[in-house]
Amino acid sequence: MILLTGFEPFGGETTNPSWLAAQQATILLRAQGLEAAAVEVPCVFGRSVDVLTDAMDRHRPDVVLCLGQAGGRERVSVERVAINIDDARIPDNAGRRPVDDAVVPDGPAAYFSTLPIKACREAVAALGVPVEVSQTAGTYVCNHLFYGLMHRLAGRSGTRGGFVHVPYSTEQAEANGAPGLPVGDMAAALAAIATTTARTPVDVRVSAGAEH
């Protein structure tokens, strides 16, 4: 079972491509004969992790892909690491704006994704979709959810998980004067990430680092 989550709109946007892409990716995966489900999570500190936890208890997935919008990025970003900090530049959808709070008090400083992030990057690149391994998921609700996911999976076997940021949709990009991608391309990338994770027990050893 593959579980995908996407966020509700935030920051004045009326749509969130992470949720649209999660829904479309689920259709693509089911067309391949795979079990898949998509769940929308609120852009709210705390509550987003609660909704994810409920969905994981309900679906008992083998792979969890949490998705978020990263307006301004040009590529699908497979995130490497979640850090134990909430530091919000803008309020969440419930008006919360934590500053320098731990996601999990007394939790480790960070968790690495358990997706084969480099193999996933190669699989998406083979589709002709712009993609990167990202070294930061920010300090907003996306990182909060990513850390919450990895904290739940820590020390457990049988389920792999991670976070993927997507750019603005094409329509959002035009409205914001920023880079964007068609939601269909995002969905194809997510389906490739999910299937690559399912068949790749050990990641490929290729460079995907950054100088800054």
C-alpha atoms as a PDB file:
ATOM      1  CA  MET A   1       0.000   0.000   0.000  1.00  0.00           C
ATOM      2  CA  ILE A   2       1.281   3.443  -0.986  1.00  0.00           C
ATOM      3  CA  LEU A   3      -0.030   6.440   0.960  1.00  0.00           C
ATOM      4  CA  LEU A   4       0.339   9.933  -0.455  1.00  0.00           C
ATOM      5  CA  THR A   5      -0.527  13.115   1.380  1.00  0.00           C
ATOM      6  CA  GLY A   6      -0.904  16.636   0.030  1.00  0.00           C
ATOM      7  CA  PHE A   7      -1.622  19.928   1.738  1.00  0.00           C
ATOM      8  CA  GLU A   8      -4.651  22.166   1.569  1.00  0.00           C
ATOM      9  CA  PRO A   9      -4.082  25.653   0.073  1.00  0.00           C
ATOM     10  CA  PHE A  10      -2.223  28.201   2.208  1.00  0.00           C
ATOM     11  CA  GLY A  11      -0.611  31.612   1.952  1.00  0.00           C
ATOM     12  CA  GLY A  12      -3.468  33.132  -0.038  1.00  0.00           C
ATOM     13  CA  GLU A  13      -3.483  30.474  -2.776  1.00  0.00           C
ATOM     14  CA  THR A  14      -6.787  28.871  -3.801  1.00  0.00           C
ATOM     15  CA  THR A  15      -5.256  25.524  -4.767  1.00  0.00           C
ATOM     16  CA  ASN A  16      -2.284  23.464  -3.642  1.00  0.00           C
ATOM     17  CA  PRO A  17      -0.552  21.423  -6.355  1.00  0.00           C
ATOM     18  CA  SER A  18       0.739  18.944  -3.781  1.00  0.00           C
ATOM     19  CA  TRP A  19      -2.827  17.752  -3.156  1.00  0.00           C
ATOM     20  CA  LEU A  20      -3.797  17.810  -6.828  1.00  0.00           C
ATOM     21  CA  ALA A  21      -0.674  15.825  -7.743  1.00  0.00           C
ATOM     22  CA  ALA A  22      -1.222  13.334  -4.911  1.00  0.00           C
ATOM     23  CA  GLN A  23      -4.711  12.592  -6.207  1.00  0.00           C
ATOM     24  CA  GLN A  24      -3.528  12.150  -9.792  1.00  0.00           C
ATOM     25  CA  ALA A  25      -0.555  10.015  -8.745  1.00  0.00           C
ATOM     26  CA  THR A  26      -2.909   7.713  -6.863  1.00  0.00           C
ATOM     27  CA  ILE A  27      -4.883   7.164 -10.070  1.00  0.00           C
ATOM     28  CA  LEU A  28      -1.679   6.384 -11.976  1.00  0.00           C
ATOM     29  CA  LEU A  29      -0.516   3.906  -9.350  1.00  0.00           C
ATOM     30  CA  ARG A  30      -3.879   2.146  -9.235  1.00  0.00           C
ATOM     31  CA  ALA A  31      -3.774   1.856 -13.027  1.00  0.00           C
ATOM     32  CA  GLN A  32      -0.537  -0.107 -12.545  1.00  0.00           C
ATOM     33  CA  GLY A  33      -2.345  -2.515 -10.243  1.00  0.00           C
ATOM     34  CA  LEU A  34      -0.924  -1.051  -7.025  1.00  0.00           C
ATOM     35  CA  GLU A  35      -2.831  -0.196  -3.868  1.00  0.00           C
ATOM     36  CA  ALA A  36      -2.674   3.528  -3.271  1.00  0.00           C
ATOM     37  CA  ALA A  37      -4.550   6.177  -1.330  1.00  0.00           C
ATOM     38  CA  ALA A  38      -4.348   9.964  -1.076  1.00  0.00           C
ATOM     39  CA  VAL A  39      -5.185  12.047   1.988  1.00  0.00           C
ATOM     40  CA  GLU A  40      -5.366  15.834   2.249  1.00  0.00           C
ATOM     41  CA  VAL A  41      -3.723  17.269   5.368  1.00  0.00           C
ATOM     42  CA  PRO A  42      -4.277  20.704   6.896  1.00  0.00           C
ATOM     43  CA  CYS A  43      -1.542  23.315   6.711  1.00  0.00           C
ATOM     44  CA  VAL A  44      -1.510  23.495  10.488  1.00  0.00           C
ATOM     45  CA  PHE A  45       1.253  22.698  12.946  1.00  0.00           C
ATOM     46  CA  GLY A  46       0.343  19.679  15.061  1.00  0.00           C
ATOM     47  CA  ARG A  47      -2.933  18.893  13.344  1.00  0.00           C
ATOM     48  CA  SER A  48      -1.163  17.899  10.105  1.00  0.00           C
ATOM     49  CA  VAL A  49       0.745  15.155  11.934  1.00  0.00           C
ATOM     50  CA  ASP A  50      -2.447  13.963  13.628  1.00  0.00           C
ATOM     51  CA  VAL A  51      -4.197  13.555  10.263  1.00  0.00           C
ATOM     52  CA  LEU A  52      -1.169  11.729   8.851  1.00  0.00           C
ATOM     53  CA  THR A  53      -1.053   9.406  11.865  1.00  0.00           C
ATOM     54  CA  ASP A  54      -4.746   8.573  11.504  1.00  0.00           C
ATOM     55  CA  ALA A  55      -4.254   7.846   7.793  1.00  0.00           C
ATOM     56  CA  MET A  56      -1.283   5.575   8.494  1.00  0.00           C
ATOM     57  CA  ASP A  57      -3.253   3.667  11.125  1.00  0.00           C
ATOM     58  CA  ARG A  58      -6.126   3.259   8.688  1.00  0.00           C
ATOM     59  CA  HIS A  59      -4.177   2.249   5.568  1.00  0.00           C
ATOM     60  CA  ARG A  60      -1.077   0.571   7.076  1.00  0.00           C
ATOM     61  CA  PRO A  61       1.121   1.628   4.141  1.00  0.00           C
ATOM     62  CA  ASP A  62       4.423   0.176   2.988  1.00  0.00           C
ATOM     63  CA  VAL A  63       5.454   3.524   1.462  1.00  0.00           C
ATOM     64  CA  VAL A  64       4.469   7.018   2.625  1.00  0.00           C
ATOM     65  CA  LEU A  65       5.061  10.035   0.396  1.00  0.00           C
ATOM     66  CA  CYS A  66       4.202  13.344   2.006  1.00  0.00           C
ATOM     67  CA  LEU A  67       4.038  16.225  -0.458  1.00  0.00           C
ATOM     68  CA  GLY A  68       4.125  19.972  -0.154  1.00  0.00           C
ATOM     69  CA  GLN A  69       4.184  23.112  -2.281  1.00  0.00           C
ATOM     70  CA  ALA A  70       7.445  25.028  -2.585  1.00  0.00           C
ATOM     71  CA  GLY A  71       6.505  28.110  -4.562  1.00  0.00           C
ATOM     72  CA  GLY A  72       9.541  29.525  -6.345  1.00  0.00           C
ATOM     73  CA  ARG A  73      11.364  26.234  -6.800  1.00  0.00           C
ATOM     74  CA  GLU A  74      11.851  25.072 -10.379  1.00  0.00           C
ATOM     75  CA  ARG A  75      12.074  21.335  -9.779  1.00  0.00           C
ATOM     76  CA  VAL A  76      10.416  18.454  -8.019  1.00  0.00           C
ATOM     77  CA  SER A  77      12.503  18.249  -4.837  1.00  0.00           C
ATOM     78  CA  VAL A  78      13.103  14.920  -3.128  1.00  0.00           C
ATOM     79  CA  GLU A  79      13.944  15.953   0.417  1.00  0.00           C
ATOM     80  CA  ARG A  80      16.907  14.418   2.214  1.00  0.00           C
ATOM     81  CA  VAL A  81      16.456  15.484   5.847  1.00  0.00           C
ATOM     82  CA  ALA A  82      13.814  16.660   8.328  1.00  0.00           C
ATOM     83  CA  ILE A  83      14.965  18.853  11.235  1.00  0.00           C
ATOM     84  CA  ASN A  84      13.446  19.172  14.691  1.00  0.00           C
ATOM     85  CA  ILE A  85      12.462  22.833  14.517  1.00  0.00           C
ATOM     86  CA  ASP A  86       9.353  24.883  13.828  1.00  0.00           C
ATOM     87  CA  ASP A  87      10.197  28.461  12.830  1.00  0.00           C
ATOM     88  CA  ALA A  88       7.319  29.978  10.895  1.00  0.00           C
ATOM     89  CA  ARG A  89       7.797  33.025   8.672  1.00  0.00           C
ATOM     90  CA  ILE A  90       4.025  33.229   8.186  1.00  0.00           C
ATOM     91  CA  PRO A  91       1.128  31.890  10.298  1.00  0.00           C
ATOM     92  CA  ASP A  92      -0.336  28.513   9.446  1.00  0.00           C
ATOM     93  CA  ASN A  93      -4.001  28.145   8.497  1.00  0.00           C
ATOM     94  CA  ALA A  94      -4.996  28.164  12.174  1.00  0.00           C
ATOM     95  CA  GLY A  95      -3.086  31.363  12.857  1.00  0.00           C
ATOM     96  CA  ARG A  96      -0.245  29.592  14.669  1.00  0.00           C
ATOM     97  CA  ARG A  97       3.259  30.938  14.208  1.00  0.00           C
ATOM     98  CA  PRO A  98       5.755  29.006  16.328  1.00  0.00           C
ATOM     99  CA  VAL A  99       9.290  30.361  16.561  1.00  0.00           C
ATOM    100  CA  ASP A 100      12.196  28.090  17.469  1.00  0.00           C
ATOM    101  CA  ASP A 101       9.945  25.363  18.880  1.00  0.00           C
ATOM    102  CA  ALA A 102      10.836  21.681  18.645  1.00  0.00           C
ATOM    103  CA  VAL A 103       8.586  19.511  16.520  1.00  0.00           C
ATOM    104  CA  VAL A 104       9.099  16.751  19.100  1.00  0.00           C
ATOM    105  CA  PRO A 105      10.536  17.869  22.453  1.00  0.00           C
ATOM    106  CA  ASP A 106      13.651  15.831  23.285  1.00  0.00           C
ATOM    107  CA  GLY A 107      13.555  14.264  19.801  1.00  0.00           C
ATOM    108  CA  PRO A 108      16.744  13.907  17.761  1.00  0.00           C
ATOM    109  CA  ALA A 109      17.992  16.942  15.860  1.00  0.00           C
ATOM    110  CA  ALA A 110      17.118  15.403  12.495  1.00  0.00           C
ATOM    111  CA  TYR A 111      15.938  12.347  10.604  1.00  0.00           C
ATOM    112  CA  PHE A 112      16.982  11.254   7.136  1.00  0.00           C
ATOM    113  CA  SER A 113      14.386  10.178   4.586  1.00  0.00           C
ATOM    114  CA  THR A 114      14.184   6.416   4.135  1.00  0.00           C
ATOM    115  CA  LEU A 115      13.282   6.765   0.474  1.00  0.00           C
ATOM    116  CA  PRO A 116      16.051   5.843  -2.000  1.00  0.00           C
ATOM    117  CA  ILE A 117      16.315   9.541  -2.795  1.00  0.00           C
ATOM    118  CA  LYS A 118      18.995   9.323  -5.467  1.00  0.00           C
ATOM    119  CA  ALA A 119      17.387   6.419  -7.315  1.00  0.00           C
ATOM    120  CA  CYS A 120      14.127   8.380  -7.161  1.00  0.00           C
ATOM    121  CA  ARG A 121      15.841  11.416  -8.663  1.00  0.00           C
ATOM    122  CA  GLU A 122      17.186   9.289 -11.510  1.00  0.00           C
ATOM    123  CA  ALA A 123      13.762   7.763 -12.178  1.00  0.00           C
ATOM    124  CA  VAL A 124      12.072  11.161 -12.373  1.00  0.00           C
ATOM    125  CA  ALA A 125      14.842  12.604 -14.553  1.00  0.00           C
ATOM    126  CA  ALA A 126      14.293   9.712 -16.975  1.00  0.00           C
ATOM    127  CA  LEU A 127      10.744  11.030 -17.471  1.00  0.00           C
ATOM    128  CA  GLY A 128      12.102  14.433 -18.522  1.00  0.00           C
ATOM    129  CA  VAL A 129      10.673  16.118 -15.420  1.00  0.00           C
ATOM    130  CA  PRO A 130      13.000  18.621 -13.671  1.00  0.00           C
ATOM    131  CA  VAL A 131      14.088  17.074 -10.358  1.00  0.00           C
ATOM    132  CA  GLU A 132      16.656  17.465  -7.591  1.00  0.00           C
ATOM    133  CA  VAL A 133      17.657  16.090  -4.232  1.00  0.00           C
ATOM    134  CA  SER A 134      16.983  18.922  -1.793  1.00  0.00           C
ATOM    135  CA  GLN A 135      18.970  19.448   1.391  1.00  0.00           C
ATOM    136  CA  THR A 136      16.281  21.431   3.224  1.00  0.00           C
ATOM    137  CA  ALA A 137      12.534  21.118   3.626  1.00  0.00           C
ATOM    138  CA  GLY A 138      12.354  24.530   5.315  1.00  0.00           C
ATOM    139  CA  THR A 139      11.052  25.166   8.822  1.00  0.00           C
ATOM    140  CA  TYR A 140       7.332  25.541   8.100  1.00  0.00           C
ATOM    141  CA  VAL A 141       4.531  22.941   8.165  1.00  0.00           C
ATOM    142  CA  CYS A 142       6.128  20.833   5.421  1.00  0.00           C
ATOM    143  CA  ASN A 143       9.219  20.146   7.524  1.00  0.00           C
ATOM    144  CA  HIS A 144       6.979  19.714  10.582  1.00  0.00           C
ATOM    145  CA  LEU A 145       5.010  16.964   8.839  1.00  0.00           C
ATOM    146  CA  PHE A 146       8.177  15.379   7.415  1.00  0.00           C
ATOM    147  CA  TYR A 147       9.759  15.216  10.869  1.00  0.00           C
ATOM    148  CA  GLY A 148       6.544  13.880  12.386  1.00  0.00           C
ATOM    149  CA  LEU A 149       6.434  11.128   9.766  1.00  0.00           C
ATOM    150  CA  MET A 150      10.037  10.087  10.290  1.00  0.00           C
ATOM    151  CA  HIS A 151       9.679  10.187  14.077  1.00  0.00           C
ATOM    152  CA  ARG A 152       6.763   7.766  13.812  1.00  0.00           C
ATOM    153  CA  LEU A 153       8.741   5.480  11.501  1.00  0.00           C
ATOM    154  CA  ALA A 154      11.950   5.589  13.573  1.00  0.00           C
ATOM    155  CA  GLY A 155      12.961   2.139  14.749  1.00  0.00           C
ATOM    156  CA  ARG A 156      10.206   0.451  12.775  1.00  0.00           C
ATOM    157  CA  SER A 157      10.767  -1.843   9.844  1.00  0.00           C
ATOM    158  CA  GLY A 158       8.475  -2.479   6.917  1.00  0.00           C
ATOM    159  CA  THR A 159       7.485   1.100   6.063  1.00  0.00           C
ATOM    160  CA  ARG A 160       9.590   3.632   4.179  1.00  0.00           C
ATOM    161  CA  GLY A 161       8.777   7.283   4.040  1.00  0.00           C
ATOM    162  CA  GLY A 162       9.874  10.726   3.012  1.00  0.00           C
ATOM    163  CA  PHE A 163       8.875  14.124   1.697  1.00  0.00           C
ATOM    164  CA  VAL A 164       8.693  15.616  -1.781  1.00  0.00           C
ATOM    165  CA  HIS A 165       8.245  19.308  -2.566  1.00  0.00           C
ATOM    166  CA  VAL A 166       6.598  20.322  -5.835  1.00  0.00           C
ATOM    167  CA  PRO A 167       6.748  23.754  -7.523  1.00  0.00           C
ATOM    168  CA  TYR A 168       3.787  25.949  -8.258  1.00  0.00           C
ATOM    169  CA  SER A 169       1.374  24.575 -10.810  1.00  0.00           C
ATOM    170  CA  THR A 170       1.540  26.173 -14.254  1.00  0.00           C
ATOM    171  CA  GLU A 171      -1.486  28.319 -13.419  1.00  0.00           C
ATOM    172  CA  GLN A 172      -0.024  29.486 -10.110  1.00  0.00           C
ATOM    173  CA  ALA A 173       3.301  30.198 -11.786  1.00  0.00           C
ATOM    174  CA  GLU A 174       1.653  32.513 -14.300  1.00  0.00           C
ATOM    175  CA  ALA A 175      -0.188  34.349 -11.526  1.00  0.00           C
ATOM    176  CA  ASN A 176       2.902  34.687  -9.310  1.00  0.00           C
ATOM    177  CA  GLY A 177       5.551  35.287 -11.970  1.00  0.00           C
ATOM    178  CA  ALA A 178       7.478  32.258 -10.761  1.00  0.00           C
ATOM    179  CA  PRO A 179       8.572  28.861 -12.103  1.00  0.00           C
ATOM    180  CA  GLY A 180       5.995  26.099 -12.310  1.00  0.00           C
ATOM    181  CA  LEU A 181       5.182  22.650 -13.662  1.00  0.00           C
ATOM    182  CA  PRO A 182       2.038  20.993 -14.975  1.00  0.00           C
ATOM    183  CA  VAL A 183       0.313  18.980 -12.252  1.00  0.00           C
ATOM    184  CA  GLY A 184       0.332  15.961 -14.580  1.00  0.00           C
ATOM    185  CA  ASP A 185       4.141  16.045 -14.667  1.00  0.00           C
ATOM    186  CA  MET A 186       4.233  16.222 -10.884  1.00  0.00           C
ATOM    187  CA  ALA A 187       1.897  13.223 -10.637  1.00  0.00           C
ATOM    188  CA  ALA A 188       4.029  11.179 -13.035  1.00  0.00           C
ATOM    189  CA  ALA A 189       7.095  12.036 -10.970  1.00  0.00           C
ATOM    190  CA  LEU A 190       5.406  10.976  -7.743  1.00  0.00           C
ATOM    191  CA  ALA A 191       4.266   7.683  -9.232  1.00  0.00           C
ATOM    192  CA  ALA A 192       7.855   7.048 -10.348  1.00  0.00           C
ATOM    193  CA  ILE A 193       9.156   7.858  -6.871  1.00  0.00           C
ATOM    194  CA  ALA A 194       6.675   5.465  -5.289  1.00  0.00           C
ATOM    195  CA  THR A 195       7.415   2.573  -7.636  1.00  0.00           C
ATOM    196  CA  THR A 196      11.169   3.171  -7.443  1.00  0.00           C
ATOM    197  CA  THR A 197      10.983   3.050  -3.655  1.00  0.00           C
ATOM    198  CA  ALA A 198       9.069  -0.213  -3.778  1.00  0.00           C
ATOM    199  CA  ARG A 199      11.705  -1.926  -5.931  1.00  0.00           C
ATOM    200  CA  THR A 200      14.923  -0.317  -4.628  1.00  0.00           C
ATOM    201  CA  PRO A 201      16.007  -1.647  -1.226  1.00  0.00           C
ATOM    202  CA  VAL A 202      19.404   0.089  -1.340  1.00  0.00           C
ATOM    203  CA  ASP A 203      19.904   3.531  -2.852  1.00  0.00           C
ATOM    204  CA  VAL A 204      22.285   4.099  -5.749  1.00  0.00           C
ATOM    205  CA  ARG A 205      25.623   5.723  -4.906  1.00  0.00           C
ATOM    206  CA  VAL A 206      25.777   8.808  -7.099  1.00  0.00           C
ATOM    207  CA  SER A 207      26.433  12.433  -6.275  1.00  0.00           C
ATOM    208  CA  ALA A 208      23.446  14.621  -5.430  1.00  0.00           C
ATOM    209  CA  GLY A 209      25.017  17.130  -3.058  1.00  0.00           C
ATOM    210  CA  ALA A 210      25.020  20.904  -3.040  1.00  0.00           C
ATOM    211  CA  GLU A 211      27.547  23.678  -2.474  1.00  0.00           C
ATOM    212  CA  HIS A 212      25.059  25.917  -0.664  1.00  0.00           C
END
